[in-house]
PDB file of all heavy atoms in Angstrom:
ATOM      1  N   ALA A   1      -2.856  44.388  12.090  1.00  0.00           N
ATOM      2  CA  ALA A   1      -3.416  43.030  12.300  1.00  0.00           C
ATOM      3  C   ALA A   1      -3.962  42.614  10.974  1.00  0.00           C
ATOM      4  O   ALA A   1      -3.849  41.505  10.596  1.00  0.00           O
ATOM      5  CB  ALA A   1      -4.455  43.003  13.333  1.00  0.00           C
ATOM      6  N   ALA A   2      -4.513  43.463  10.155  1.00  0.00           N
ATOM      7  CA  ALA A   2      -5.400  43.043   8.962  1.00  0.00           C
ATOM      8  C   ALA A   2      -4.379  42.724   7.891  1.00  0.00           C
ATOM      9  O   ALA A   2      -4.589  41.776   6.978  1.00  0.00           O
ATOM     10  CB  ALA A   2      -6.241  44.196   8.530  1.00  0.00           C
ATOM     11  N   ARG A   3      -3.152  43.305   7.745  1.00  0.00           N
ATOM     12  CA  ARG A   3      -2.257  43.041   6.717  1.00  0.00           C
ATOM     13  C   ARG A   3      -1.144  41.994   7.086  1.00  0.00           C
ATOM     14  O   ARG A   3      -0.584  41.425   6.140  1.00  0.00           O
ATOM     15  CB  ARG A   3      -1.528  44.294   6.358  1.00  0.00           C
ATOM     16  CG  ARG A   3      -2.370  45.342   5.826  1.00  0.00           C
ATOM     17  CD  ARG A   3      -1.757  46.715   5.569  1.00  0.00           C
ATOM     18  NE  ARG A   3      -0.400  46.518   4.763  1.00  0.00           N
ATOM     19  CZ  ARG A   3       0.465  47.465   4.460  1.00  0.00           C
ATOM     20  NH1 ARG A   3       0.203  48.772   4.987  1.00  0.00           N
ATOM     21  NH2 ARG A   3       1.551  47.265   3.802  1.00  0.00           N
ATOM     22  N   ALA A   4      -0.817  41.682   8.298  1.00  0.00           N
ATOM     23  CA  ALA A   4       0.351  40.897   8.578  1.00  0.00           C
ATOM     24  C   ALA A   4      -0.008  39.371   8.320  1.00  0.00           C
ATOM     25  O   ALA A   4      -1.023  38.884   8.723  1.00  0.00           O
ATOM     26  CB  ALA A   4       0.623  41.061  10.108  1.00  0.00           C
ATOM     27  N   ASP A   5       1.071  38.802   7.781  1.00  0.00           N
ATOM     28  CA  ASP A   5       1.001  37.274   7.772  1.00  0.00           C
ATOM     29  C   ASP A   5       1.716  36.689   9.060  1.00  0.00           C
ATOM     30  O   ASP A   5       1.290  35.630   9.498  1.00  0.00           O
ATOM     31  CB  ASP A   5       1.740  36.877   6.481  1.00  0.00           C
ATOM     32  CG  ASP A   5       1.183  37.266   5.230  1.00  0.00           C
ATOM     33  OD1 ASP A   5       0.016  36.754   4.934  1.00  0.00           O
ATOM     34  OD2 ASP A   5       1.713  38.124   4.538  1.00  0.00           O
ATOM     35  N   GLN A   6       2.587  37.419   9.479  1.00  0.00           N
ATOM     36  CA  GLN A   6       3.440  37.147  10.698  1.00  0.00           C
ATOM     37  C   GLN A   6       3.307  38.303  11.613  1.00  0.00           C
ATOM     38  O   GLN A   6       3.809  39.431  11.400  1.00  0.00           O
ATOM     39  CB  GLN A   6       4.886  36.854  10.481  1.00  0.00           C
ATOM     40  CG  GLN A   6       5.167  35.637   9.420  1.00  0.00           C
ATOM     41  CD  GLN A   6       4.879  34.378   9.959  1.00  0.00           C
ATOM     42  OE1 GLN A   6       4.854  34.103  11.240  1.00  0.00           O
ATOM     43  NE2 GLN A   6       4.769  33.347   9.135  1.00  0.00           N
ATOM     44  N   LEU A   7       2.537  38.197  12.671  1.00  0.00           N
ATOM     45  CA  LEU A   7       2.126  39.343  13.587  1.00  0.00           C
ATOM     46  C   LEU A   7       3.018  39.345  14.884  1.00  0.00           C
ATOM     47  O   LEU A   7       2.776  38.280  15.659  1.00  0.00           O
ATOM     48  CB  LEU A   7       0.799  39.380  13.900  1.00  0.00           C
ATOM     49  CG  LEU A   7       0.250  40.665  14.860  1.00  0.00           C
ATOM     50  CD1 LEU A   7       0.549  42.004  14.279  1.00  0.00           C
ATOM     51  CD2 LEU A   7      -1.301  40.466  15.247  1.00  0.00           C
ATOM     52  N   VAL A   8       4.088  40.096  15.014  1.00  0.00           N
ATOM     53  CA  VAL A   8       5.016  39.934  16.199  1.00  0.00           C
ATOM     54  C   VAL A   8       4.701  41.025  17.174  1.00  0.00           C
ATOM     55  O   VAL A   8       4.813  42.151  16.850  1.00  0.00           O
ATOM     56  CB  VAL A   8       6.385  39.923  15.581  1.00  0.00           C
ATOM     57  CG1 VAL A   8       7.437  39.706  16.794  1.00  0.00           C
ATOM     58  CG2 VAL A   8       6.576  38.991  14.593  1.00  0.00           C
ATOM     59  N   LEU A   9       4.598  40.633  18.453  1.00  0.00           N
ATOM     60  CA  LEU A   9       4.497  41.545  19.624  1.00  0.00           C
ATOM     61  C   LEU A   9       5.838  41.743  20.163  1.00  0.00           C
ATOM     62  O   LEU A   9       6.472  40.798  20.731  1.00  0.00           O
ATOM     63  CB  LEU A   9       3.477  40.988  20.593  1.00  0.00           C
ATOM     64  CG  LEU A   9       2.117  40.499  20.001  1.00  0.00           C
ATOM     65  CD1 LEU A   9       1.108  39.998  21.161  1.00  0.00           C
ATOM     66  CD2 LEU A   9       1.487  41.650  19.331  1.00  0.00           C
ATOM     67  N   CYS A  10       6.287  42.933  20.227  1.00  0.00           N
ATOM     68  CA  CYS A  10       7.592  43.281  20.908  1.00  0.00           C
ATOM     69  C   CYS A  10       7.501  44.609  21.508  1.00  0.00           C
ATOM     70  O   CYS A  10       8.496  45.403  21.592  1.00  0.00           O
ATOM     71  CB  CYS A  10       8.768  43.173  19.915  1.00  0.00           C
ATOM     72  SG  CYS A  10       8.601  44.015  18.197  1.00  0.00           S
ATOM     73  N   ALA A  11       6.414  45.061  21.939  1.00  0.00           N
ATOM     74  CA  ALA A  11       6.142  46.244  22.682  1.00  0.00           C
ATOM     75  C   ALA A  11       6.259  45.966  24.206  1.00  0.00           C
ATOM     76  O   ALA A  11       6.019  44.942  24.673  1.00  0.00           O
ATOM     77  CB  ALA A  11       4.789  46.812  22.394  1.00  0.00           C
ATOM     78  N   PRO A  12       6.531  47.045  24.990  1.00  0.00           N
ATOM     79  CA  PRO A  12       6.678  46.977  26.453  1.00  0.00           C
ATOM     80  C   PRO A  12       5.186  46.801  27.042  1.00  0.00           C
ATOM     81  O   PRO A  12       4.274  47.128  26.434  1.00  0.00           O
ATOM     82  CB  PRO A  12       7.347  48.155  26.895  1.00  0.00           C
ATOM     83  CG  PRO A  12       6.987  49.268  25.804  1.00  0.00           C
ATOM     84  CD  PRO A  12       6.902  48.396  24.506  1.00  0.00           C
ATOM     85  N   ALA A  13       5.183  46.155  28.311  1.00  0.00           N
ATOM     86  CA  ALA A  13       3.886  46.102  28.976  1.00  0.00           C
ATOM     87  C   ALA A  13       3.543  47.487  29.600  1.00  0.00           C
ATOM     88  O   ALA A  13       4.269  47.977  30.520  1.00  0.00           O
ATOM     89  CB  ALA A  13       4.099  45.007  29.991  1.00  0.00           C
ATOM     90  N   THR A  14       2.470  48.029  29.164  1.00  0.00           N
ATOM     91  CA  THR A  14       2.054  49.368  29.780  1.00  0.00           C
ATOM     92  C   THR A  14       0.492  49.242  29.895  1.00  0.00           C
ATOM     93  O   THR A  14      -0.200  48.203  29.374  1.00  0.00           O
ATOM     94  CB  THR A  14       2.344  50.564  28.807  1.00  0.00           C
ATOM     95  OG1 THR A  14       1.660  50.416  27.576  1.00  0.00           O
ATOM     96  CG2 THR A  14       3.882  50.574  28.595  1.00  0.00           C
ATOM     97  N   ALA A  15      -0.103  50.173  30.463  1.00  0.00           N
ATOM     98  CA  ALA A  15      -1.627  50.295  30.568  1.00  0.00           C
ATOM     99  C   ALA A  15      -2.194  50.297  29.066  1.00  0.00           C
ATOM    100  O   ALA A  15      -3.296  49.711  28.849  1.00  0.00           O
ATOM    101  CB  ALA A  15      -2.136  51.533  31.352  1.00  0.00           C
ATOM    102  N   GLU A  16      -1.486  50.880  28.166  1.00  0.00           N
ATOM    103  CA  GLU A  16      -2.044  51.028  26.852  1.00  0.00           C
ATOM    104  C   GLU A  16      -1.861  49.676  26.170  1.00  0.00           C
ATOM    105  O   GLU A  16      -2.679  49.508  25.113  1.00  0.00           O
ATOM    106  CB  GLU A  16      -0.995  52.082  26.128  1.00  0.00           C
ATOM    107  CG  GLU A  16      -1.580  52.540  24.651  1.00  0.00           C
ATOM    108  CD  GLU A  16      -0.669  53.513  24.219  1.00  0.00           C
ATOM    109  OE1 GLU A  16       0.436  53.272  23.886  1.00  0.00           O
ATOM    110  OE2 GLU A  16      -1.300  54.738  23.930  1.00  0.00           O
ATOM    111  N   THR A  17      -0.904  48.909  26.403  1.00  0.00           N
ATOM    112  CA  THR A  17      -0.804  47.603  25.640  1.00  0.00           C
ATOM    113  C   THR A  17      -1.402  46.400  26.380  1.00  0.00           C
ATOM    114  O   THR A  17      -1.426  45.420  25.777  1.00  0.00           O
ATOM    115  CB  THR A  17       0.694  47.212  25.575  1.00  0.00           C
ATOM    116  OG1 THR A  17       1.387  47.136  26.739  1.00  0.00           O
ATOM    117  CG2 THR A  17       1.283  48.282  24.671  1.00  0.00           C
ATOM    118  N   LEU A  18      -2.074  46.737  27.449  1.00  0.00           N
ATOM    119  CA  LEU A  18      -2.643  45.530  28.306  1.00  0.00           C
ATOM    120  C   LEU A  18      -3.871  44.923  27.486  1.00  0.00           C
ATOM    121  O   LEU A  18      -4.825  45.593  27.158  1.00  0.00           O
ATOM    122  CB  LEU A  18      -3.268  46.128  29.602  1.00  0.00           C
ATOM    123  CG  LEU A  18      -3.867  45.150  30.533  1.00  0.00           C
ATOM    124  CD1 LEU A  18      -2.899  44.026  31.080  1.00  0.00           C
ATOM    125  CD2 LEU A  18      -4.525  45.860  31.815  1.00  0.00           C
ATOM    126  N   ARG A  19      -3.741  43.694  27.246  1.00  0.00           N
ATOM    127  CA  ARG A  19      -4.691  42.827  26.505  1.00  0.00           C
ATOM    128  C   ARG A  19      -5.115  43.486  25.228  1.00  0.00           C
ATOM    129  O   ARG A  19      -6.211  43.451  24.794  1.00  0.00           O
ATOM    130  CB  ARG A  19      -6.041  42.659  27.368  1.00  0.00           C
ATOM    131  CG  ARG A  19      -5.788  42.251  28.786  1.00  0.00           C
ATOM    132  CD  ARG A  19      -5.529  40.734  28.810  1.00  0.00           C
ATOM    133  NE  ARG A  19      -5.568  40.145  30.273  1.00  0.00           N
ATOM    134  CZ  ARG A  19      -4.511  40.127  31.034  1.00  0.00           C
ATOM    135  NH1 ARG A  19      -3.341  40.479  30.491  1.00  0.00           N
ATOM    136  NH2 ARG A  19      -4.572  39.628  32.228  1.00  0.00           N
ATOM    137  N   MET A  20      -4.038  44.105  24.487  1.00  0.00           N
ATOM    138  CA  MET A  20      -4.423  44.685  23.291  1.00  0.00           C
ATOM    139  C   MET A  20      -4.787  43.749  22.189  1.00  0.00           C
ATOM    140  O   MET A  20      -5.459  44.109  21.212  1.00  0.00           O
ATOM    141  CB  MET A  20      -3.029  45.660  22.869  1.00  0.00           C
ATOM    142  CG  MET A  20      -1.897  44.666  22.458  1.00  0.00           C
ATOM    143  SD  MET A  20      -0.412  45.860  22.023  1.00  0.00           S
ATOM    144  CE  MET A  20      -1.234  46.834  20.862  1.00  0.00           C
ATOM    145  N   ILE A  21      -4.299  42.524  22.318  1.00  0.00           N
ATOM    146  CA  ILE A  21      -4.690  41.457  21.348  1.00  0.00           C
ATOM    147  C   ILE A  21      -5.901  40.753  21.986  1.00  0.00           C
ATOM    148  O   ILE A  21      -5.751  39.872  22.748  1.00  0.00           O
ATOM    149  CB  ILE A  21      -3.489  40.464  21.041  1.00  0.00           C
ATOM    150  CG1 ILE A  21      -2.255  41.350  20.636  1.00  0.00           C
ATOM    151  CG2 ILE A  21      -3.956  39.416  20.045  1.00  0.00           C
ATOM    152  CD1 ILE A  21      -2.349  42.009  19.360  1.00  0.00           C
ATOM    153  N   ASP A  22      -6.986  41.303  21.624  1.00  0.00           N
ATOM    154  CA  ASP A  22      -8.408  40.844  22.191  1.00  0.00           C
ATOM    155  C   ASP A  22      -9.306  40.241  21.034  1.00  0.00           C
ATOM    156  O   ASP A  22      -8.749  40.219  19.943  1.00  0.00           O
ATOM    157  CB  ASP A  22      -8.940  41.961  22.840  1.00  0.00           C
ATOM    158  CG  ASP A  22      -9.163  43.252  22.117  1.00  0.00           C
ATOM    159  OD1 ASP A  22      -9.040  43.185  20.858  1.00  0.00           O
ATOM    160  OD2 ASP A  22      -9.513  44.333  22.671  1.00  0.00           O
ATOM    161  N   ASP A  23     -10.400  39.995  21.343  1.00  0.00           N
ATOM    162  CA  ASP A  23     -11.449  39.535  20.385  1.00  0.00           C
ATOM    163  C   ASP A  23     -11.539  40.484  19.123  1.00  0.00           C
ATOM    164  O   ASP A  23     -11.569  40.015  18.030  1.00  0.00           O
ATOM    165  CB  ASP A  23     -12.759  39.306  21.001  1.00  0.00           C
ATOM    166  CG  ASP A  23     -12.875  38.155  21.875  1.00  0.00           C
ATOM    167  OD1 ASP A  23     -12.459  36.919  21.350  1.00  0.00           O
ATOM    168  OD2 ASP A  23     -13.245  38.203  23.128  1.00  0.00           O
ATOM    169  N   ARG A  24     -11.654  41.761  19.429  1.00  0.00           N
ATOM    170  CA  ARG A  24     -11.772  42.812  18.344  1.00  0.00           C
ATOM    171  C   ARG A  24     -10.545  42.663  17.368  1.00  0.00           C
ATOM    172  O   ARG A  24     -10.757  42.642  16.132  1.00  0.00           O
ATOM    173  CB  ARG A  24     -11.866  44.162  18.810  1.00  0.00           C
ATOM    174  CG  ARG A  24     -12.367  45.248  17.880  1.00  0.00           C
ATOM    175  CD  ARG A  24     -12.228  46.574  18.337  1.00  0.00           C
ATOM    176  NE  ARG A  24     -10.828  46.939  18.684  1.00  0.00           N
ATOM    177  CZ  ARG A  24      -9.973  47.259  17.779  1.00  0.00           C
ATOM    178  NH1 ARG A  24     -10.303  47.326  16.415  1.00  0.00           N
ATOM    179  NH2 ARG A  24      -8.709  47.632  17.941  1.00  0.00           N
ATOM    180  N   VAL A  25      -9.390  42.714  17.874  1.00  0.00           N
ATOM    181  CA  VAL A  25      -8.155  42.712  17.050  1.00  0.00           C
ATOM    182  C   VAL A  25      -8.024  41.388  16.383  1.00  0.00           C
ATOM    183  O   VAL A  25      -7.718  41.298  15.062  1.00  0.00           O
ATOM    184  CB  VAL A  25      -6.878  42.988  17.846  1.00  0.00           C
ATOM    185  CG1 VAL A  25      -5.682  42.752  16.986  1.00  0.00           C
ATOM    186  CG2 VAL A  25      -6.961  44.492  18.271  1.00  0.00           C
ATOM    187  N   LEU A  26      -8.281  40.327  17.108  1.00  0.00           N
ATOM    188  CA  LEU A  26      -8.318  38.995  16.443  1.00  0.00           C
ATOM    189  C   LEU A  26      -9.321  38.712  15.451  1.00  0.00           C
ATOM    190  O   LEU A  26      -9.188  37.866  14.484  1.00  0.00           O
ATOM    191  CB  LEU A  26      -8.277  37.898  17.482  1.00  0.00           C
ATOM    192  CG  LEU A  26      -6.972  37.839  18.395  1.00  0.00           C
ATOM    193  CD1 LEU A  26      -7.205  36.928  19.642  1.00  0.00           C
ATOM    194  CD2 LEU A  26      -5.822  37.334  17.541  1.00  0.00           C
ATOM    195  N   SER A  27     -10.338  39.484  15.365  1.00  0.00           N
ATOM    196  CA  SER A  27     -11.453  39.381  14.353  1.00  0.00           C
ATOM    197  C   SER A  27     -10.958  40.053  13.057  1.00  0.00           C
ATOM    198  O   SER A  27     -11.531  39.866  11.989  1.00  0.00           O
ATOM    199  CB  SER A  27     -12.714  40.040  14.765  1.00  0.00           C
ATOM    200  OG  SER A  27     -12.612  41.532  14.725  1.00  0.00           O
ATOM    201  N   LEU A  28      -9.734  40.854  13.055  1.00  0.00           N
ATOM    202  CA  LEU A  28      -9.287  41.453  11.947  1.00  0.00           C
ATOM    203  C   LEU A  28      -8.171  40.744  11.228  1.00  0.00           C
ATOM    204  O   LEU A  28      -7.934  40.980  10.110  1.00  0.00           O
ATOM    205  CB  LEU A  28      -8.743  42.838  12.312  1.00  0.00           C
ATOM    206  CG  LEU A  28      -9.724  43.794  13.060  1.00  0.00           C
ATOM    207  CD1 LEU A  28      -8.958  45.085  13.540  1.00  0.00           C
ATOM    208  CD2 LEU A  28     -10.898  44.150  12.131  1.00  0.00           C
ATOM    209  N   VAL A  29      -7.597  39.676  11.909  1.00  0.00           N
ATOM    210  CA  VAL A  29      -6.304  39.095  11.367  1.00  0.00           C
ATOM    211  C   VAL A  29      -6.823  38.128  10.339  1.00  0.00           C
ATOM    212  O   VAL A  29      -8.006  37.662  10.213  1.00  0.00           O
ATOM    213  CB  VAL A  29      -5.599  38.261  12.430  1.00  0.00           C
ATOM    214  CG1 VAL A  29      -5.120  39.205  13.517  1.00  0.00           C
ATOM    215  CG2 VAL A  29      -6.458  37.179  12.991  1.00  0.00           C
ATOM    216  N   LYS A  30      -5.824  37.894   9.361  1.00  0.00           N
ATOM    217  CA  LYS A  30      -6.072  36.841   8.302  1.00  0.00           C
ATOM    218  C   LYS A  30      -6.191  35.363   9.036  1.00  0.00           C
ATOM    219  O   LYS A  30      -5.459  35.176   9.962  1.00  0.00           O
ATOM    220  CB  LYS A  30      -4.986  36.765   7.412  1.00  0.00           C
ATOM    221  CG  LYS A  30      -4.559  38.163   6.587  1.00  0.00           C
ATOM    222  CD  LYS A  30      -3.434  37.944   5.826  1.00  0.00           C
ATOM    223  CE  LYS A  30      -2.973  39.184   5.063  1.00  0.00           C
ATOM    224  NZ  LYS A  30      -1.851  39.130   4.233  1.00  0.00           N
ATOM    225  N   PRO A  31      -6.984  34.561   8.476  1.00  0.00           N
ATOM    226  CA  PRO A  31      -7.114  33.181   9.140  1.00  0.00           C
ATOM    227  C   PRO A  31      -5.837  32.388   8.873  1.00  0.00           C
ATOM    228  O   PRO A  31      -5.566  31.494   9.588  1.00  0.00           O
ATOM    229  CB  PRO A  31      -8.290  32.532   8.387  1.00  0.00           C
ATOM    230  CG  PRO A  31      -8.495  33.359   7.137  1.00  0.00           C
ATOM    231  CD  PRO A  31      -8.041  34.710   7.536  1.00  0.00           C
ATOM    232  N   THR A  32      -4.954  32.881   7.963  1.00  0.00           N
ATOM    233  CA  THR A  32      -3.635  32.265   7.771  1.00  0.00           C
ATOM    234  C   THR A  32      -2.529  32.915   8.454  1.00  0.00           C
ATOM    235  O   THR A  32      -1.440  32.418   8.374  1.00  0.00           O
ATOM    236  CB  THR A  32      -3.319  32.238   6.211  1.00  0.00           C
ATOM    237  OG1 THR A  32      -3.337  33.734   5.896  1.00  0.00           O
ATOM    238  CG2 THR A  32      -4.305  31.516   5.385  1.00  0.00           C
ATOM    239  N   ALA A  33      -2.785  33.854   9.507  1.00  0.00           N
ATOM    240  CA  ALA A  33      -1.875  34.539  10.040  1.00  0.00           C
ATOM    241  C   ALA A  33      -1.293  33.748  11.249  1.00  0.00           C
ATOM    242  O   ALA A  33      -1.843  32.840  11.781  1.00  0.00           O
ATOM    243  CB  ALA A  33      -2.356  35.860  10.666  1.00  0.00           C
ATOM    244  N   HIS A  34      -0.057  34.104  11.553  1.00  0.00           N
ATOM    245  CA  HIS A  34       0.742  33.554  12.750  1.00  0.00           C
ATOM    246  C   HIS A  34       1.090  34.643  13.800  1.00  0.00           C
ATOM    247  O   HIS A  34       1.745  35.662  13.308  1.00  0.00           O
ATOM    248  CB  HIS A  34       2.024  32.982  12.108  1.00  0.00           C
ATOM    249  CG  HIS A  34       2.903  32.368  13.179  1.00  0.00           C
ATOM    250  ND1 HIS A  34       4.256  32.099  13.088  1.00  0.00           N
ATOM    251  CD2 HIS A  34       2.641  31.778  14.431  1.00  0.00           C
ATOM    252  CE1 HIS A  34       4.848  31.522  14.060  1.00  0.00           C
ATOM    253  NE2 HIS A  34       3.956  31.358  14.971  1.00  0.00           N
ATOM    254  N   LEU A  35       0.703  34.486  14.919  1.00  0.00           N
ATOM    255  CA  LEU A  35       0.977  35.387  16.149  1.00  0.00           C
ATOM    256  C   LEU A  35       2.096  35.119  16.842  1.00  0.00           C
ATOM    257  O   LEU A  35       2.127  33.733  17.352  1.00  0.00           O
ATOM    258  CB  LEU A  35      -0.330  35.603  16.794  1.00  0.00           C
ATOM    259  CG  LEU A  35      -0.059  36.425  18.215  1.00  0.00           C
ATOM    260  CD1 LEU A  35       0.038  37.876  17.786  1.00  0.00           C
ATOM    261  CD2 LEU A  35      -1.216  36.245  19.161  1.00  0.00           C
ATOM    262  N   ILE A  36       3.069  35.818  17.060  1.00  0.00           N
ATOM    263  CA  ILE A  36       4.279  35.635  17.852  1.00  0.00           C
ATOM    264  C   ILE A  36       4.398  36.567  19.003  1.00  0.00           C
ATOM    265  O   ILE A  36       4.465  37.822  18.666  1.00  0.00           O
ATOM    266  CB  ILE A  36       5.558  35.587  16.990  1.00  0.00           C
ATOM    267  CG1 ILE A  36       5.381  34.636  15.765  1.00  0.00           C
ATOM    268  CG2 ILE A  36       6.682  35.215  17.796  1.00  0.00           C
ATOM    269  CD1 ILE A  36       6.637  34.726  14.687  1.00  0.00           C
ATOM    270  N   ASN A  37       4.457  36.190  20.172  1.00  0.00           N
ATOM    271  CA  ASN A  37       4.652  37.070  21.270  1.00  0.00           C
ATOM    272  C   ASN A  37       5.997  36.870  22.086  1.00  0.00           C
ATOM    273  O   ASN A  37       6.167  35.785  22.570  1.00  0.00           O
ATOM    274  CB  ASN A  37       3.389  36.958  22.259  1.00  0.00           C
ATOM    275  CG  ASN A  37       3.409  38.014  23.368  1.00  0.00           C
ATOM    276  OD1 ASN A  37       4.288  39.004  23.355  1.00  0.00           O
ATOM    277  ND2 ASN A  37       2.492  37.917  24.373  1.00  0.00           N
ATOM    278  N   VAL A  38       6.814  37.944  21.922  1.00  0.00           N
ATOM    279  CA  VAL A  38       8.061  37.834  22.675  1.00  0.00           C
ATOM    280  C   VAL A  38       8.272  39.061  23.499  1.00  0.00           C
ATOM    281  O   VAL A  38       9.236  39.513  23.978  1.00  0.00           O
ATOM    282  CB  VAL A  38       9.349  37.832  21.577  1.00  0.00           C
ATOM    283  CG1 VAL A  38       9.380  36.433  20.999  1.00  0.00           C
ATOM    284  CG2 VAL A  38       9.180  38.957  20.631  1.00  0.00           C
ATOM    285  N   ALA A  39       7.106  39.716  23.883  1.00  0.00           N
ATOM    286  CA  ALA A  39       7.016  40.971  24.633  1.00  0.00           C
ATOM    287  C   ALA A  39       6.719  40.563  26.177  1.00  0.00           C
ATOM    288  O   ALA A  39       7.574  40.164  26.984  1.00  0.00           O
ATOM    289  CB  ALA A  39       6.014  41.890  24.160  1.00  0.00           C
ATOM    290  N   ARG A  40       5.449  40.644  26.497  1.00  0.00           N
ATOM    291  CA  ARG A  40       5.024  40.256  27.771  1.00  0.00           C
ATOM    292  C   ARG A  40       3.710  39.582  27.594  1.00  0.00           C
ATOM    293  O   ARG A  40       2.871  39.857  26.677  1.00  0.00           O
ATOM    294  CB  ARG A  40       4.779  41.560  28.640  1.00  0.00           C
ATOM    295  CG  ARG A  40       5.942  42.112  29.325  1.00  0.00           C
ATOM    296  CD  ARG A  40       6.552  41.156  30.479  1.00  0.00           C
ATOM    297  NE  ARG A  40       7.680  41.951  31.021  1.00  0.00           N
ATOM    298  CZ  ARG A  40       8.871  41.876  30.747  1.00  0.00           C
ATOM    299  NH1 ARG A  40       9.330  41.060  29.734  1.00  0.00           N
ATOM    300  NH2 ARG A  40       9.789  42.489  31.500  1.00  0.00           N
ATOM    301  N   GLY A  41       3.363  38.487  28.508  1.00  0.00           N
ATOM    302  CA  GLY A  41       2.095  37.817  28.196  1.00  0.00           C
ATOM    303  C   GLY A  41       0.889  38.657  28.494  1.00  0.00           C
ATOM    304  O   GLY A  41      -0.166  38.351  27.806  1.00  0.00           O
ATOM    305  N   THR A  42       1.008  39.920  29.196  1.00  0.00           N
ATOM    306  CA  THR A  42      -0.192  40.628  29.329  1.00  0.00           C
ATOM    307  C   THR A  42      -0.688  41.406  28.121  1.00  0.00           C
ATOM    308  O   THR A  42      -1.708  41.873  28.199  1.00  0.00           O
ATOM    309  CB  THR A  42       0.129  41.712  30.443  1.00  0.00           C
ATOM    310  OG1 THR A  42       1.213  42.426  30.029  1.00  0.00           O
ATOM    311  CG2 THR A  42       0.424  41.080  31.891  1.00  0.00           C
ATOM    312  N   LEU A  43       0.128  41.308  27.034  1.00  0.00           N
ATOM    313  CA  LEU A  43      -0.412  41.948  25.820  1.00  0.00           C
ATOM    314  C   LEU A  43      -1.530  41.251  25.213  1.00  0.00           C
ATOM    315  O   LEU A  43      -2.193  41.785  24.248  1.00  0.00           O
ATOM    316  CB  LEU A  43       0.859  42.160  24.815  1.00  0.00           C
ATOM    317  CG  LEU A  43       1.668  43.347  24.970  1.00  0.00           C
ATOM    318  CD1 LEU A  43       2.364  43.513  26.243  1.00  0.00           C
ATOM    319  CD2 LEU A  43       2.598  43.550  23.709  1.00  0.00           C
ATOM    320  N   VAL A  44      -1.651  39.951  25.514  1.00  0.00           N
ATOM    321  CA  VAL A  44      -2.637  39.089  24.853  1.00  0.00           C
ATOM    322  C   VAL A  44      -3.697  38.686  25.840  1.00  0.00           C
ATOM    323  O   VAL A  44      -3.517  38.269  27.060  1.00  0.00           O
ATOM    324  CB  VAL A  44      -1.858  37.866  24.361  1.00  0.00           C
ATOM    325  CG1 VAL A  44      -2.868  36.896  23.631  1.00  0.00           C
ATOM    326  CG2 VAL A  44      -0.843  38.314  23.292  1.00  0.00           C
ATOM    327  N   ASP A  45      -4.857  38.812  25.380  1.00  0.00           N
ATOM    328  CA  ASP A  45      -5.999  38.257  26.110  1.00  0.00           C
ATOM    329  C   ASP A  45      -6.132  36.653  25.708  1.00  0.00           C
ATOM    330  O   ASP A  45      -6.458  36.387  24.557  1.00  0.00           O
ATOM    331  CB  ASP A  45      -7.348  38.896  25.657  1.00  0.00           C
ATOM    332  CG  ASP A  45      -8.608  38.301  26.415  1.00  0.00           C
ATOM    333  OD1 ASP A  45      -8.644  37.246  26.841  1.00  0.00           O
ATOM    334  OD2 ASP A  45      -9.610  39.097  26.456  1.00  0.00           O
ATOM    335  N   HIS A  46      -5.639  35.821  26.618  1.00  0.00           N
ATOM    336  CA  HIS A  46      -5.507  34.492  26.361  1.00  0.00           C
ATOM    337  C   HIS A  46      -6.807  33.640  26.016  1.00  0.00           C
ATOM    338  O   HIS A  46      -6.946  32.727  25.189  1.00  0.00           O
ATOM    339  CB  HIS A  46      -4.732  33.697  27.447  1.00  0.00           C
ATOM    340  CG  HIS A  46      -3.231  34.127  27.451  1.00  0.00           C
ATOM    341  ND1 HIS A  46      -2.830  35.345  27.894  1.00  0.00           N
ATOM    342  CD2 HIS A  46      -2.130  33.336  26.963  1.00  0.00           C
ATOM    343  CE1 HIS A  46      -1.454  35.332  27.656  1.00  0.00           C
ATOM    344  NE2 HIS A  46      -1.131  34.195  27.029  1.00  0.00           N
TER     345      HIS A  46
END
C-alpha cells in the first residue's frame, strides 16, 4: 500500500481478506494513489 501508485485488488474473498482495505491500510497509501478493485466488494471497507 505504501509503495503502489496503482493498487489493484485481485485476491479471492476469504476471512483473511474481508475488509482488508480499511482505515489503517488507507492511512498508508500515497495521496496520489489509485485503488482498483476487480476482486470482491468485501475486500474493501467502503
